[in-house]
Amino acid sequence: MKTPPPPISLYAVLEGLSEEERGRLYEEYGVESMAEIFSNEETMKTVDCFLENGMNVCLAARKLYMHRNTLMYRLNKIRRVCGLDLRIFDMAVTFRILRILYETKTR
């Protein structure tokens, strides 16, 4: 059986964009307005666990030692602030890209 290639790094993909393109995405998606989400350690720990567990609410809640409804509340707060529903794959990927843009801009 053939060994699968390693996953593509979103950091590497974004590094391939020009500074102008990264800036355009930053402005177009209003990344600055998402700072309260991206800078909150507890929220980002929740997001990371949710994504690492295949966007499975029950499994992530169990691993975070929280009630499923608490996790849903946090995901809904992100949706209200960012307009992205992390339970939808494309929106979760968009969130990750915007988070990377935010992190690289604030370094």
N, C-alpha and C. Protein backbone atom coordinates (compact mmCIF):
# COMPACT_ATOMS: atom_id res chain seq x y z
N MET A 1 0.84 -1.17 0.00
CA MET A 1 0.00 0.00 0.00
C MET A 1 0.89 1.25 0.00
N LYS A 2 0.53 2.21 -0.82
CA LYS A 2 1.31 3.44 -0.97
C LYS A 2 1.07 4.37 0.22
N THR A 3 2.15 4.96 0.73
CA THR A 3 2.05 5.91 1.84
C THR A 3 1.48 7.22 1.32
N PRO A 4 0.45 7.73 2.00
CA PRO A 4 -0.13 9.00 1.53
C PRO A 4 0.84 10.15 1.77
N PRO A 5 0.76 11.18 0.93
CA PRO A 5 1.64 12.33 1.12
C PRO A 5 1.22 13.10 2.38
N PRO A 6 2.13 13.88 2.94
CA PRO A 6 1.76 14.66 4.13
C PRO A 6 0.71 15.72 3.77
N PRO A 7 -0.06 16.15 4.74
CA PRO A 7 -1.07 17.17 4.45
C PRO A 7 -0.43 18.49 4.02
N ILE A 8 -1.17 19.26 3.28
CA ILE A 8 -0.68 20.55 2.82
C ILE A 8 -0.84 21.55 3.97
N SER A 9 0.20 22.27 4.25
CA SER A 9 0.18 23.27 5.32
C SER A 9 -0.49 24.54 4.83
N LEU A 10 -1.51 25.00 5.56
CA LEU A 10 -2.14 26.27 5.21
C LEU A 10 -1.17 27.43 5.37
N TYR A 11 -0.23 27.30 6.29
CA TYR A 11 0.80 28.34 6.45
C TYR A 11 1.61 28.46 5.17
N ALA A 12 1.99 27.32 4.60
CA ALA A 12 2.78 27.32 3.37
C ALA A 12 1.98 27.91 2.21
N VAL A 13 0.70 27.58 2.14
CA VAL A 13 -0.15 28.11 1.07
C VAL A 13 -0.23 29.63 1.18
N LEU A 14 -0.44 30.13 2.39
CA LEU A 14 -0.55 31.57 2.58
C LEU A 14 0.77 32.30 2.35
N GLU A 15 1.88 31.63 2.65
CA GLU A 15 3.18 32.24 2.37
C GLU A 15 3.38 32.42 0.87
N GLY A 16 2.70 31.61 0.07
CA GLY A 16 2.80 31.71 -1.38
C GLY A 16 2.06 32.91 -1.95
N LEU A 17 1.20 33.52 -1.12
CA LEU A 17 0.48 34.71 -1.57
C LEU A 17 1.35 35.95 -1.36
N SER A 18 1.16 36.92 -2.21
CA SER A 18 1.90 38.18 -2.04
C SER A 18 1.36 38.91 -0.81
N GLU A 19 2.13 39.84 -0.32
CA GLU A 19 1.71 40.66 0.82
C GLU A 19 0.41 41.40 0.48
N GLU A 20 0.30 41.83 -0.75
CA GLU A 20 -0.89 42.54 -1.22
C GLU A 20 -2.12 41.62 -1.16
N GLU A 21 -1.96 40.37 -1.61
CA GLU A 21 -3.08 39.42 -1.60
C GLU A 21 -3.51 39.09 -0.17
N ARG A 22 -2.52 38.89 0.72
CA ARG A 22 -2.84 38.62 2.12
C ARG A 22 -3.56 39.81 2.75
N GLY A 23 -3.11 41.01 2.44
CA GLY A 23 -3.75 42.22 2.95
C GLY A 23 -5.17 42.37 2.45
N ARG A 24 -5.39 42.03 1.18
CA ARG A 24 -6.72 42.10 0.61
C ARG A 24 -7.68 41.14 1.33
N LEU A 25 -7.22 39.91 1.57
CA LEU A 25 -8.04 38.94 2.30
C LEU A 25 -8.33 39.43 3.71
N TYR A 26 -7.31 39.97 4.35
CA TYR A 26 -7.44 40.49 5.72
C TYR A 26 -8.53 41.55 5.79
N GLU A 27 -8.51 42.46 4.84
CA GLU A 27 -9.50 43.54 4.80
C GLU A 27 -10.87 43.04 4.34
N GLU A 28 -10.89 42.23 3.30
CA GLU A 28 -12.14 41.75 2.72
C GLU A 28 -12.97 40.97 3.73
N TYR A 29 -12.33 40.17 4.55
CA TYR A 29 -13.04 39.36 5.53
C TYR A 29 -13.15 40.04 6.90
N GLY A 30 -12.61 41.25 7.03
CA GLY A 30 -12.71 41.98 8.29
C GLY A 30 -12.06 41.25 9.45
N VAL A 31 -10.86 40.74 9.22
CA VAL A 31 -10.17 39.94 10.24
C VAL A 31 -10.00 40.71 11.54
N GLU A 32 -9.76 42.00 11.45
CA GLU A 32 -9.58 42.81 12.67
C GLU A 32 -10.79 42.73 13.58
N SER A 33 -11.98 42.64 13.01
CA SER A 33 -13.20 42.55 13.82
C SER A 33 -13.34 41.20 14.52
N MET A 34 -12.51 40.23 14.13
CA MET A 34 -12.55 38.90 14.72
C MET A 34 -11.51 38.73 15.83
N ALA A 35 -10.81 39.81 16.15
CA ALA A 35 -9.71 39.76 17.13
C ALA A 35 -10.16 39.21 18.47
N GLU A 36 -11.38 39.56 18.91
CA GLU A 36 -11.85 39.07 20.21
C GLU A 36 -11.93 37.55 20.24
N ILE A 37 -12.23 36.94 19.11
CA ILE A 37 -12.28 35.48 19.02
C ILE A 37 -10.87 34.90 18.95
N PHE A 38 -10.07 35.42 18.02
CA PHE A 38 -8.73 34.88 17.80
C PHE A 38 -7.80 35.06 19.00
N SER A 39 -8.01 36.09 19.79
CA SER A 39 -7.12 36.35 20.92
C SER A 39 -7.58 35.69 22.22
N ASN A 40 -8.73 35.04 22.19
CA ASN A 40 -9.25 34.39 23.38
C ASN A 40 -8.74 32.94 23.42
N GLU A 41 -7.84 32.67 24.37
CA GLU A 41 -7.21 31.34 24.45
C GLU A 41 -8.22 30.21 24.64
N GLU A 42 -9.19 30.42 25.51
CA GLU A 42 -10.17 29.36 25.78
C GLU A 42 -11.02 29.07 24.54
N THR A 43 -11.41 30.11 23.83
CA THR A 43 -12.19 29.93 22.61
C THR A 43 -11.37 29.19 21.57
N MET A 44 -10.11 29.57 21.41
CA MET A 44 -9.28 28.93 20.40
C MET A 44 -8.96 27.48 20.78
N LYS A 45 -8.83 27.20 22.07
CA LYS A 45 -8.64 25.81 22.51
C LYS A 45 -9.87 24.99 22.13
N THR A 46 -11.05 25.58 22.30
CA THR A 46 -12.30 24.92 21.94
C THR A 46 -12.34 24.65 20.44
N VAL A 47 -12.01 25.66 19.65
CA VAL A 47 -12.02 25.51 18.18
C VAL A 47 -11.03 24.43 17.76
N ASP A 48 -9.81 24.49 18.29
CA ASP A 48 -8.79 23.51 17.92
C ASP A 48 -9.25 22.09 18.23
N CYS A 49 -9.81 21.88 19.40
CA CYS A 49 -10.28 20.54 19.78
C CYS A 49 -11.41 20.10 18.86
N PHE A 50 -12.33 21.00 18.57
CA PHE A 50 -13.46 20.69 17.68
C PHE A 50 -12.96 20.26 16.30
N LEU A 51 -12.01 21.01 15.75
CA LEU A 51 -11.49 20.69 14.42
C LEU A 51 -10.63 19.43 14.43
N GLU A 52 -9.83 19.25 15.47
CA GLU A 52 -8.97 18.07 15.58
C GLU A 52 -9.78 16.79 15.73
N ASN A 53 -11.01 16.92 16.19
CA ASN A 53 -11.87 15.76 16.38
C ASN A 53 -12.92 15.64 15.29
N GLY A 54 -12.53 16.07 14.09
CA GLY A 54 -13.37 15.87 12.91
C GLY A 54 -14.67 16.64 12.94
N MET A 55 -14.69 17.78 13.64
CA MET A 55 -15.89 18.61 13.74
C MET A 55 -17.05 17.84 14.37
N ASN A 56 -16.71 16.92 15.24
CA ASN A 56 -17.69 16.11 15.96
C ASN A 56 -17.96 16.78 17.31
N VAL A 57 -19.15 17.34 17.46
CA VAL A 57 -19.51 18.11 18.66
C VAL A 57 -19.44 17.25 19.91
N CYS A 58 -20.02 16.07 19.88
CA CYS A 58 -20.05 15.21 21.07
C CYS A 58 -18.65 14.78 21.51
N LEU A 59 -17.84 14.38 20.55
CA LEU A 59 -16.47 13.95 20.87
C LEU A 59 -15.64 15.10 21.40
N ALA A 60 -15.72 16.25 20.77
CA ALA A 60 -14.96 17.42 21.22
C ALA A 60 -15.41 17.84 22.62
N ALA A 61 -16.70 17.87 22.87
CA ALA A 61 -17.21 18.25 24.19
C ALA A 61 -16.69 17.28 25.26
N ARG A 62 -16.69 16.00 24.93
CA ARG A 62 -16.18 15.00 25.87
C ARG A 62 -14.71 15.25 26.18
N LYS A 63 -13.91 15.52 25.15
CA LYS A 63 -12.47 15.74 25.36
C LYS A 63 -12.19 17.05 26.09
N LEU A 64 -13.08 18.02 25.94
CA LEU A 64 -12.92 19.30 26.63
C LEU A 64 -13.54 19.28 28.02
N TYR A 65 -14.15 18.16 28.39
CA TYR A 65 -14.83 18.02 29.68
C TYR A 65 -15.88 19.11 29.86
N MET A 66 -16.71 19.28 28.84
CA MET A 66 -17.79 20.26 28.92
C MET A 66 -19.06 19.65 28.34
N HIS A 67 -20.16 20.26 28.67
CA HIS A 67 -21.43 19.81 28.14
C HIS A 67 -21.50 20.17 26.66
N ARG A 68 -22.16 19.32 25.91
CA ARG A 68 -22.33 19.54 24.47
C ARG A 68 -22.95 20.90 24.18
N ASN A 69 -23.92 21.31 24.99
CA ASN A 69 -24.57 22.61 24.79
C ASN A 69 -23.61 23.78 25.00
N THR A 70 -22.65 23.62 25.90
CA THR A 70 -21.64 24.66 26.12
C THR A 70 -20.80 24.82 24.87
N LEU A 71 -20.40 23.71 24.29
CA LEU A 71 -19.62 23.75 23.05
C LEU A 71 -20.44 24.41 21.94
N MET A 72 -21.70 24.04 21.83
CA MET A 72 -22.56 24.64 20.80
C MET A 72 -22.71 26.14 21.02
N TYR A 73 -22.83 26.55 22.28
CA TYR A 73 -22.92 27.98 22.60
C TYR A 73 -21.68 28.71 22.09
N ARG A 74 -20.51 28.14 22.33
CA ARG A 74 -19.25 28.76 21.89
C ARG A 74 -19.16 28.82 20.37
N LEU A 75 -19.56 27.74 19.70
CA LEU A 75 -19.54 27.74 18.24
C LEU A 75 -20.53 28.76 17.67
N ASN A 76 -21.67 28.89 18.32
CA ASN A 76 -22.65 29.88 17.88
C ASN A 76 -22.16 31.31 18.10
N LYS A 77 -21.41 31.53 19.17
CA LYS A 77 -20.82 32.86 19.41
C LYS A 77 -19.85 33.20 18.29
N ILE A 78 -19.05 32.24 17.89
CA ILE A 78 -18.11 32.46 16.77
C ILE A 78 -18.90 32.79 15.51
N ARG A 79 -19.98 32.09 15.29
CA ARG A 79 -20.80 32.34 14.10
C ARG A 79 -21.37 33.76 14.13
N ARG A 80 -21.83 34.20 15.31
CA ARG A 80 -22.37 35.56 15.43
C ARG A 80 -21.31 36.62 15.17
N VAL A 81 -20.12 36.43 15.72
CA VAL A 81 -19.05 37.43 15.59
C VAL A 81 -18.41 37.40 14.21
N CYS A 82 -18.11 36.20 13.71
CA CYS A 82 -17.36 36.06 12.46
C CYS A 82 -18.23 35.81 11.23
N GLY A 83 -19.44 35.33 11.46
CA GLY A 83 -20.29 34.96 10.33
C GLY A 83 -19.94 33.61 9.73
N LEU A 84 -19.12 32.83 10.44
CA LEU A 84 -18.68 31.53 9.94
C LEU A 84 -19.18 30.42 10.86
N ASP A 85 -19.90 29.46 10.30
CA ASP A 85 -20.39 28.31 11.05
C ASP A 85 -19.34 27.21 10.93
N LEU A 86 -18.60 26.97 12.01
CA LEU A 86 -17.49 26.02 11.97
C LEU A 86 -17.94 24.57 11.80
N ARG A 87 -19.23 24.32 11.85
CA ARG A 87 -19.73 22.96 11.60
C ARG A 87 -19.80 22.66 10.10
N ILE A 88 -19.59 23.69 9.29
CA ILE A 88 -19.56 23.54 7.83
C ILE A 88 -18.10 23.56 7.40
N PHE A 89 -17.65 22.51 6.73
CA PHE A 89 -16.24 22.31 6.42
C PHE A 89 -15.59 23.52 5.76
N ASP A 90 -16.19 24.04 4.69
CA ASP A 90 -15.59 25.18 3.98
C ASP A 90 -15.45 26.40 4.88
N MET A 91 -16.41 26.60 5.75
CA MET A 91 -16.32 27.73 6.67
C MET A 91 -15.25 27.49 7.74
N ALA A 92 -15.09 26.25 8.15
CA ALA A 92 -14.04 25.92 9.12
C ALA A 92 -12.66 26.17 8.51
N VAL A 93 -12.48 25.80 7.24
CA VAL A 93 -11.20 26.05 6.56
C VAL A 93 -10.98 27.56 6.42
N THR A 94 -12.03 28.29 6.06
CA THR A 94 -11.92 29.74 5.95
C THR A 94 -11.51 30.34 7.29
N PHE A 95 -12.11 29.86 8.37
CA PHE A 95 -11.77 30.34 9.71
C PHE A 95 -10.29 30.11 10.00
N ARG A 96 -9.81 28.91 9.68
CA ARG A 96 -8.38 28.59 9.93
C ARG A 96 -7.48 29.54 9.14
N ILE A 97 -7.82 29.80 7.88
CA ILE A 97 -7.02 30.71 7.05
C ILE A 97 -7.03 32.11 7.65
N LEU A 98 -8.18 32.59 8.06
CA LEU A 98 -8.28 33.93 8.64
C LEU A 98 -7.52 34.01 9.96
N ARG A 99 -7.55 32.93 10.73
CA ARG A 99 -6.79 32.90 11.99
C ARG A 99 -5.30 33.00 11.71
N ILE A 100 -4.83 32.30 10.69
CA ILE A 100 -3.41 32.36 10.34
C ILE A 100 -3.06 33.78 9.89
N LEU A 101 -3.91 34.39 9.08
CA LEU A 101 -3.68 35.78 8.67
C LEU A 101 -3.60 36.70 9.87
N TYR A 102 -4.50 36.52 10.82
CA TYR A 102 -4.50 37.34 12.04
C TYR A 102 -3.21 37.12 12.83
N GLU A 103 -2.82 35.86 13.02
CA GLU A 103 -1.63 35.55 13.80
C GLU A 103 -0.37 36.12 13.15
N THR A 104 -0.26 36.01 11.84
CA THR A 104 0.94 36.51 11.18
C THR A 104 0.97 38.03 11.15
N LYS A 105 -0.18 38.66 11.15
CA LYS A 105 -0.26 40.13 11.15
C LYS A 105 0.09 40.70 12.52
N THR A 106 -0.27 39.97 13.60
CA THR A 106 -0.06 40.48 14.95
C THR A 106 1.29 40.10 15.53
N ARG A 107 2.08 39.37 14.79
CA ARG A 107 3.42 38.99 15.29
C ARG A 107 4.39 40.12 15.13
